[in-house]
Amino acid sequence: MKLFFKTSVCFLFILSILFSKSKSSYSSIHNTWRSKSDSRYKVWFQDWSSYTRLFLTINEDTISVQPNKYAAVNRKKPYLFPKPYKKVLKRQLIGNIEWNDKPLWNDGHVNTFKYIVDRSNPKSSLPIVFEGLSVKDNGVLRLELVSGPDLKYHMELIPTSVE
């Protein structure tokens, strides 16, 4: 009986390997990416069954926040004294990707798409439509988004894990 059970498990395992569905071209791309040289861009591809979402976070600037000069202080509790700090100004764009062709993630292959932003933070006039171009080359993803002459993003991204 044990021999029958072991052989049937091995047989099912071999069948599952032989008849498994091959992964699609899209699933071969990593889900999360960040800027290669700094922390300016974070990109997250969300592959749903019938469409792809793109979540883009852009660190635009850093400002120094000074404490209010009239803030109440207590000399017995110095840890309550307000201190200056730096705040990162972020822009978040979330929207759907409409691929012009089925995306292939071979090195050097150019994928073109339309990125339609339907959510943003801080609020802006929606929808924003970008023409996009992506190329994966030696593990680096080059992503370019253009919406008119003023709004352009050129990114060089490396894969990362979800934070």
Protein backbone atom coordinates (compact mmCIF):
# COMPACT_ATOMS: atom_id res chain seq x y z
CA MET A 1 0.00 0.00 0.00
CA LYS A 2 2.84 2.40 0.83
CA LEU A 3 4.53 1.61 -2.46
CA PHE A 4 1.31 2.36 -4.36
CA PHE A 5 0.90 5.68 -2.52
CA LYS A 6 4.51 6.74 -3.18
CA THR A 7 4.36 5.84 -6.87
CA SER A 8 1.03 7.63 -7.34
CA VAL A 9 2.39 10.80 -5.66
CA CYS A 10 5.50 10.69 -7.88
CA PHE A 11 3.34 10.09 -10.94
CA LEU A 12 1.07 13.06 -10.11
CA PHE A 13 4.12 15.24 -9.49
CA ILE A 14 5.64 14.33 -12.86
CA LEU A 15 2.30 14.94 -14.62
CA SER A 16 1.92 18.34 -12.98
CA ILE A 17 5.37 19.34 -14.24
CA LEU A 18 4.75 18.05 -17.77
CA PHE A 19 1.29 19.56 -18.21
CA SER A 20 1.67 22.75 -16.26
CA LYS A 21 0.75 25.94 -18.06
CA SER A 22 3.76 27.94 -19.10
CA LYS A 23 4.03 31.36 -17.59
CA SER A 24 2.96 34.26 -19.77
CA SER A 25 5.47 36.81 -20.99
CA TYR A 26 4.10 39.40 -18.61
CA SER A 27 4.63 37.33 -15.49
CA SER A 28 8.36 37.22 -16.18
CA ILE A 29 8.70 40.87 -15.17
CA HIS A 30 9.25 41.70 -11.53
CA ASN A 31 6.33 43.42 -9.76
CA THR A 32 8.12 46.20 -7.86
CA TRP A 33 10.93 48.46 -9.05
CA ARG A 34 12.87 51.44 -7.66
CA SER A 35 15.24 54.02 -9.09
CA LYS A 36 18.69 52.75 -9.95
CA SER A 37 20.67 55.73 -8.65
CA ASP A 38 18.46 57.28 -5.95
CA SER A 39 15.07 56.89 -4.29
CA ARG A 40 13.18 59.22 -6.60
CA TYR A 41 10.86 56.65 -8.25
CA LYS A 42 9.03 53.54 -7.04
CA VAL A 43 6.96 51.56 -9.53
CA TRP A 44 4.56 48.71 -8.84
CA PHE A 45 3.01 46.64 -11.63
CA GLN A 46 -0.26 45.02 -10.52
CA ASP A 47 -1.23 42.25 -12.93
CA TRP A 48 -4.95 41.51 -12.68
CA SER A 49 -6.68 38.92 -14.81
CA SER A 50 -7.90 41.24 -17.56
CA TYR A 51 -5.81 44.40 -17.10
CA THR A 52 -2.62 45.83 -15.65
CA ARG A 53 -2.46 48.64 -13.07
CA LEU A 54 0.59 50.79 -12.51
CA PHE A 55 1.25 52.48 -9.17
CA LEU A 56 3.93 55.16 -9.49
CA THR A 57 5.40 57.06 -6.52
CA ILE A 58 7.62 60.06 -7.26
CA ASN A 59 9.70 61.79 -4.58
CA GLU A 60 9.68 65.30 -6.01
CA ASP A 61 11.43 67.45 -3.41
CA THR A 62 12.53 67.68 0.21
CA ILE A 63 11.65 70.64 2.39
CA SER A 64 12.90 71.59 5.85
CA VAL A 65 10.17 72.10 8.42
CA GLN A 66 11.10 74.44 11.26
CA PRO A 67 9.26 74.32 14.58
CA ASN A 68 6.90 77.12 15.45
CA LYS A 69 8.87 79.75 17.37
CA TYR A 70 5.91 80.18 19.74
CA ALA A 71 5.58 76.47 20.57
CA ALA A 72 5.17 75.79 24.27
CA VAL A 73 8.20 74.12 25.81
CA ASN A 74 8.65 72.51 29.16
CA ARG A 75 12.17 72.68 30.57
CA LYS A 76 11.59 69.60 32.72
CA LYS A 77 10.81 67.54 29.60
CA PRO A 78 13.40 68.41 26.93
CA TYR A 79 12.21 65.54 24.71
CA LEU A 80 9.03 67.54 24.06
CA PHE A 81 10.95 70.44 22.47
CA PRO A 82 10.02 70.65 18.79
CA LYS A 83 12.91 69.91 16.46
CA PRO A 84 13.37 70.77 12.79
CA TYR A 85 12.93 67.91 10.34
CA LYS A 86 12.95 67.20 6.62
CA LYS A 87 9.76 66.24 4.79
CA VAL A 88 9.70 64.49 1.42
CA LEU A 89 7.07 65.77 -1.01
CA LYS A 90 5.58 62.82 -2.90
CA ARG A 91 3.33 62.46 -5.90
CA GLN A 92 1.41 59.23 -6.44
CA LEU A 93 -0.15 58.21 -9.74
CA ILE A 94 -2.37 55.14 -10.09
CA GLY A 95 -3.94 53.99 -13.32
CA ASN A 96 -4.46 51.32 -15.96
CA ILE A 97 -2.04 50.32 -18.68
CA GLU A 98 -3.33 49.60 -22.18
CA TRP A 99 -0.58 47.71 -24.02
CA ASN A 100 -0.28 48.41 -27.75
CA ASP A 101 0.95 44.82 -28.29
CA LYS A 102 1.35 41.89 -25.94
CA PRO A 103 4.34 42.81 -23.75
CA LEU A 104 7.55 40.79 -24.14
CA TRP A 105 10.27 41.21 -21.55
CA ASN A 106 13.26 39.94 -23.53
CA ASP A 107 16.37 42.10 -23.28
CA GLY A 108 16.15 45.05 -25.65
CA HIS A 109 12.51 44.53 -26.68
CA VAL A 110 10.54 47.82 -26.72
CA ASN A 111 7.02 47.71 -25.25
CA THR A 112 4.71 50.64 -25.88
CA PHE A 113 1.55 51.41 -23.96
CA LYS A 114 -0.94 54.05 -22.89
CA TYR A 115 -1.04 54.82 -19.15
CA ILE A 116 -4.38 56.31 -18.04
CA VAL A 117 -4.13 57.78 -14.53
CA ASP A 118 -7.45 57.68 -12.68
CA ARG A 119 -6.16 58.42 -9.14
CA SER A 120 -3.51 60.81 -7.92
CA ASN A 121 -2.21 62.27 -4.70
CA PRO A 122 -2.03 65.26 -4.41
CA LYS A 123 -5.24 65.77 -6.35
CA SER A 124 -4.92 66.88 -9.94
CA SER A 125 -7.13 67.16 -13.00
CA LEU A 126 -8.00 63.60 -14.00
CA PRO A 127 -7.71 61.57 -16.15
CA ILE A 128 -4.10 62.13 -17.18
CA VAL A 129 -3.05 60.15 -20.24
CA PHE A 130 0.62 59.23 -20.75
CA GLU A 131 2.23 57.58 -23.73
CA GLY A 132 4.66 55.04 -22.33
CA LEU A 133 7.68 53.10 -23.46
CA SER A 134 9.46 50.34 -21.52
CA VAL A 135 12.61 48.39 -22.26
CA LYS A 136 14.23 45.76 -20.06
CA ASP A 137 17.99 45.59 -20.56
CA ASN A 138 20.42 43.57 -18.37
CA GLY A 139 18.02 43.56 -15.41
CA VAL A 140 17.39 47.31 -15.64
CA LEU A 141 13.94 48.53 -16.67
CA ARG A 142 13.88 51.83 -18.59
CA LEU A 143 10.45 53.39 -18.33
CA GLU A 144 9.48 56.62 -20.04
CA LEU A 145 6.14 58.37 -19.60
CA VAL A 146 5.22 61.46 -21.63
CA SER A 147 2.07 63.57 -21.41
CA GLY A 148 2.53 66.73 -23.44
CA PRO A 149 5.64 68.91 -23.51
CA ASP A 150 5.66 69.70 -19.78
CA LEU A 151 5.01 66.36 -18.06
CA LYS A 152 7.75 63.81 -18.70
CA TYR A 153 9.24 61.05 -16.54
CA HIS A 154 12.37 59.13 -17.56
CA MET A 155 13.24 56.31 -15.17
CA GLU A 156 15.93 53.68 -14.86
CA LEU A 157 14.67 51.06 -12.43
CA ILE A 158 16.01 47.97 -10.69
CA PRO A 159 13.86 45.21 -9.15
CA THR A 160 13.08 45.27 -5.44
CA SER A 161 10.86 43.46 -2.97
CA VAL A 162 7.51 44.77 -1.75
CA GLU A 163 7.91 47.14 1.17
